[in-house]
Structures are given as structure tokens and as C-alpha cells.
Amino acid sequence: MLALLTAFGLVFLVELPDKTMIATLILTTRYRALPVFVGVAVAFAVQCVIAAAFGGVLTLLPERVVAAIVAALFGLGAVLLLREGFSRDHGEDSDAAASRSNVTFLRAAATSFGVLFAAEWGDASQFATAALSARFSAPVLVGVGSWLALCLVAGIAVLLGAKIRDRIRPHLIQRVAGIVFAGFALFAAWQAAF
């Protein structure tokens, strides 16, 4: 249960200010909420299975090797978060407030799936899921925890829309998450060395 809760908390923190939330917000301004949420949730499920399976394979390696890989994954996640948190280029789609179109449920869900599936490759949450899966030797619990966190973030984006985007400082949260990832990377590197 600790693996599930840790994955949920960490991925939620990482994804709340991430492009995932912004993309979901933008998709929700263009399509109905339910197909967007369904498409996004399915994309997250596939991504979590892949990341957790990769982390599960890591448990077959010697403990020091796993710790080194976990350190590298968290380090890469920290670099991505800090780079994005300090980046000045966070442009928004100029037509994000466009009216919803009368697109079919399947088309809106498929579009949402494609956008989020592509956006999540190499994302900090994917690295966190793989690293936590290896760390706890519990890929199913970590995958479920990560998926629930991603779905919660998507649900917040769908339900609260632009109000959340206006009230949260995404750069600050990304910086804090990046520092936390860096701390995890240093701890794992220390475990690998000793």
C-alpha cells in the first residue's frame, strides 16, 4: 500500500502543473468533458503499464545496479522538471477559448488519447513510475497509484478549467518537484555507492 500511496502523491505533485494539465484544459475547451477525460484516462493507463513494467524488469538486477538506475531516472526527471520550471517559453494556444465543436464522442476521445499519449513519453511522471516500480518491487501498485494521480489531475483540469490555470503558479510547483526528484536521485545514488 505504501508503494501505491507514494506513487500517487509523487505523480500528483509532478503532474499538477505539467503540460498534461494544460493540454487537458485546452482539449476541454474544444470538446465535451467526458470524451476528453475518457481518452486521457486510457492514454495514462497505457503509459503507466509501460512505465511500471519497465520498472518491474529492473527488480531482476542486483540491488546496487537498481539503485544506480533509479538515481539516473530520478535525476533525469529532476532535470526535466527544473528545465521546464525555469523555462520562460510557456506559450499558450491562442485559440484555447474556442467554442466546443460538435465532434463525435469517439473522435474527441481518440484525439485526447493521441495528444496525451504523445505528450507523456519521457515525462517526469513516467520516469517516476518506472523508478518507484523498481524501488518498491511492486509494479502493479505503483502503476495503479500513478494512474489514479494522473486521472485526478485530468479530472481537476476538466472540472475546473481555466480557473485552476489562473490561480496556480506552475513554475513554482515544477521547481519544488524538481528539487524533490533531485533529492531522491541523490539518495538513490548514495545507496548505489554504499
Protein backbone atom coordinates (compact mmCIF):
# COMPACT_ATOMS: atom_id res chain seq x y z
CA MET A 1 0.00 0.00 0.00
CA LEU A 2 2.94 2.32 0.65
CA ALA A 3 4.00 1.90 -3.00
CA LEU A 4 0.55 2.95 -4.23
CA LEU A 5 0.36 5.98 -1.93
CA THR A 6 3.91 7.09 -2.70
CA ALA A 7 3.34 6.81 -6.45
CA PHE A 8 0.03 8.65 -6.17
CA GLY A 9 1.49 11.51 -4.12
CA LEU A 10 4.62 11.97 -6.18
CA VAL A 11 2.94 11.75 -9.58
CA PHE A 12 0.14 14.07 -8.47
CA LEU A 13 2.68 16.67 -7.34
CA VAL A 14 4.65 16.35 -10.58
CA GLU A 15 1.65 16.41 -12.92
CA LEU A 16 -0.47 19.14 -11.33
CA PRO A 17 1.44 21.97 -13.04
CA ASP A 18 2.57 19.92 -16.05
CA LYS A 19 1.75 20.09 -19.73
CA THR A 20 -0.67 17.22 -19.08
CA MET A 21 -2.98 19.51 -17.17
CA ILE A 22 -2.65 22.34 -19.66
CA ALA A 23 -3.28 20.01 -22.61
CA THR A 24 -6.35 18.61 -20.89
CA LEU A 25 -7.60 22.14 -20.21
CA ILE A 26 -7.17 23.06 -23.86
CA LEU A 27 -8.84 19.86 -25.06
CA THR A 28 -11.75 20.52 -22.73
CA THR A 29 -12.27 23.94 -24.28
CA ARG A 30 -12.61 22.30 -27.69
CA TYR A 31 -14.53 19.09 -26.90
CA ARG A 32 -17.05 17.86 -24.36
CA ALA A 33 -15.57 16.93 -20.99
CA LEU A 34 -16.48 13.23 -20.86
CA PRO A 35 -14.78 12.11 -24.10
CA VAL A 36 -11.71 14.17 -23.20
CA PHE A 37 -11.49 12.54 -19.79
CA VAL A 38 -12.02 9.03 -21.21
CA GLY A 39 -9.34 9.50 -23.89
CA VAL A 40 -6.87 10.97 -21.43
CA ALA A 41 -7.50 8.24 -18.82
CA VAL A 42 -6.91 5.48 -21.38
CA ALA A 43 -3.68 7.14 -22.56
CA PHE A 44 -2.48 7.36 -18.96
CA ALA A 45 -3.34 3.70 -18.35
CA VAL A 46 -1.21 2.58 -21.30
CA GLN A 47 1.68 4.84 -20.26
CA CYS A 48 1.56 3.61 -16.63
CA VAL A 49 1.57 -0.04 -17.69
CA ILE A 50 4.64 0.57 -19.85
CA ALA A 51 6.48 2.53 -17.15
CA ALA A 52 5.60 0.10 -14.34
CA ALA A 53 6.58 -2.91 -16.45
CA PHE A 54 9.95 -1.31 -17.22
CA GLY A 55 10.47 -0.67 -13.51
CA GLY A 56 9.40 -4.25 -12.72
CA VAL A 57 12.09 -5.62 -15.01
CA LEU A 58 14.65 -3.57 -13.10
CA THR A 59 13.95 -5.58 -9.93
CA LEU A 60 15.65 -8.60 -11.51
CA LEU A 61 19.01 -6.79 -11.41
CA PRO A 62 21.39 -6.60 -8.41
CA GLU A 63 20.36 -4.05 -5.75
CA ARG A 64 23.23 -1.60 -6.41
CA VAL A 65 22.55 -1.60 -10.14
CA VAL A 66 18.86 -0.93 -9.47
CA ALA A 67 19.76 1.93 -7.12
CA ALA A 68 22.00 3.44 -9.82
CA ILE A 69 19.24 3.16 -12.43
CA VAL A 70 16.70 4.66 -10.02
CA ALA A 71 19.14 7.52 -9.34
CA ALA A 72 19.52 8.12 -13.07
CA LEU A 73 15.74 8.06 -13.64
CA PHE A 74 15.04 10.49 -10.81
CA GLY A 75 17.97 12.65 -11.94
CA LEU A 76 16.57 12.81 -15.46
CA GLY A 77 13.14 13.63 -14.05
CA ALA A 78 14.68 16.40 -11.91
CA VAL A 79 16.44 17.89 -14.94
CA LEU A 80 13.22 17.83 -16.97
CA LEU A 81 11.18 19.43 -14.20
CA LEU A 82 13.74 22.08 -13.35
CA ARG A 83 14.34 22.92 -17.00
CA GLU A 84 10.60 23.29 -17.57
CA GLY A 85 10.11 25.14 -14.26
CA PHE A 86 12.73 27.73 -15.13
CA SER A 87 11.90 27.97 -18.82
CA ARG A 88 10.45 31.26 -19.97
CA ASP A 89 8.79 29.78 -23.05
CA HIS A 90 5.40 28.60 -21.82
CA GLY A 91 3.25 29.87 -24.65
CA GLU A 92 -0.42 29.10 -24.69
CA ASP A 93 -2.54 28.23 -27.65
CA SER A 94 -4.05 31.48 -28.89
CA ASP A 95 -7.38 29.90 -29.64
CA ALA A 96 -7.73 27.96 -26.38
CA ALA A 97 -11.03 29.66 -25.68
CA ALA A 98 -12.56 28.49 -28.94
CA SER A 99 -16.08 27.13 -28.71
CA ARG A 100 -16.71 23.41 -28.37
CA SER A 101 -17.34 21.67 -31.62
CA ASN A 102 -19.93 19.02 -32.33
CA VAL A 103 -17.40 16.24 -32.74
CA THR A 104 -18.42 12.65 -32.03
CA PHE A 105 -17.54 11.09 -28.68
CA LEU A 106 -15.16 8.63 -30.32
CA ARG A 107 -13.32 11.30 -32.28
CA ALA A 108 -12.91 13.58 -29.25
CA ALA A 109 -11.75 10.66 -27.09
CA ALA A 110 -9.31 9.45 -29.77
CA THR A 111 -7.89 12.95 -30.23
CA SER A 112 -7.48 13.34 -26.46
CA PHE A 113 -5.83 9.91 -26.25
CA GLY A 114 -3.37 10.77 -29.04
CA VAL A 115 -2.40 14.16 -27.64
CA LEU A 116 -1.79 12.92 -24.09
CA PHE A 117 -0.22 9.62 -25.14
CA ALA A 118 2.37 11.51 -27.19
CA ALA A 119 2.87 14.18 -24.52
CA GLU A 120 3.61 11.69 -21.73
CA TRP A 121 6.57 9.92 -23.42
CA GLY A 122 9.68 10.76 -21.48
CA ASP A 123 7.68 12.81 -18.98
CA ALA A 124 8.77 13.11 -15.36
CA SER A 125 5.77 11.06 -14.19
CA GLN A 126 6.77 8.20 -16.48
CA PHE A 127 10.30 8.22 -15.06
CA ALA A 128 8.89 8.42 -11.53
CA THR A 129 6.59 5.45 -12.17
CA ALA A 130 9.46 3.34 -13.51
CA ALA A 131 11.76 4.37 -10.68
CA LEU A 132 9.19 3.75 -7.94
CA SER A 133 8.23 0.43 -9.52
CA ALA A 134 11.84 -0.68 -9.29
CA ARG A 135 12.27 0.77 -5.82
CA PHE A 136 9.25 -0.89 -4.24
CA SER A 137 9.26 -4.08 -6.39
CA ALA A 138 5.52 -3.55 -6.77
CA PRO A 139 4.84 -2.55 -10.37
CA VAL A 140 1.07 -3.10 -10.18
CA LEU A 141 0.59 -0.94 -7.07
CA VAL A 142 2.90 1.78 -8.40
CA GLY A 143 1.17 1.71 -11.79
CA VAL A 144 -2.28 1.99 -10.20
CA GLY A 145 -1.13 4.81 -7.91
CA SER A 146 0.39 6.71 -10.82
CA TRP A 147 -2.68 6.18 -12.99
CA LEU A 148 -5.03 7.38 -10.24
CA ALA A 149 -2.92 10.51 -9.75
CA LEU A 150 -2.89 11.23 -13.48
CA CYS A 151 -6.65 10.73 -13.68
CA LEU A 152 -7.19 13.04 -10.72
CA VAL A 153 -5.12 15.75 -12.38
CA ALA A 154 -7.10 15.28 -15.59
CA GLY A 155 -10.34 15.42 -13.62
CA ILE A 156 -9.30 18.68 -11.98
CA ALA A 157 -8.43 20.12 -15.38
CA VAL A 158 -11.75 19.04 -16.84
CA LEU A 159 -13.87 20.20 -13.89
CA LEU A 160 -12.20 23.47 -13.01
CA GLY A 161 -10.90 24.52 -16.41
CA ALA A 162 -9.18 27.82 -16.80
CA LYS A 163 -9.76 28.84 -13.15
CA ILE A 164 -7.04 26.42 -12.00
CA ARG A 165 -4.65 27.64 -14.67
CA ASP A 166 -5.09 31.24 -13.50
CA ARG A 167 -4.61 30.51 -9.78
CA ILE A 168 -1.71 28.04 -9.65
CA ARG A 169 1.88 29.00 -10.27
CA PRO A 170 3.01 26.02 -12.32
CA HIS A 171 6.67 27.10 -12.45
CA LEU A 172 6.96 27.15 -8.66
CA ILE A 173 5.41 23.70 -8.24
CA GLN A 174 7.62 22.30 -11.02
CA ARG A 175 10.69 23.74 -9.30
CA VAL A 176 9.74 22.17 -5.96
CA ALA A 177 9.03 18.81 -7.65
CA GLY A 178 12.38 19.05 -9.47
CA ILE A 179 14.20 19.62 -6.19
CA VAL A 180 12.37 16.66 -4.62
CA PHE A 181 13.37 14.49 -7.61
CA ALA A 182 16.97 15.66 -7.26
CA GLY A 183 16.87 14.67 -3.57
CA PHE A 184 15.54 11.23 -4.49
CA ALA A 185 18.27 10.90 -7.13
CA LEU A 186 20.99 11.80 -4.61
CA PHE A 187 19.60 9.35 -2.04
CA ALA A 188 19.44 6.54 -4.62
CA ALA A 189 22.97 7.39 -5.81
CA TRP A 190 24.19 7.19 -2.21
CA GLN A 191 22.52 3.75 -1.88
CA ALA A 192 24.19 2.61 -5.09
CA ALA A 193 27.60 3.74 -3.85
CA PHE A 194 27.35 2.27 -0.37
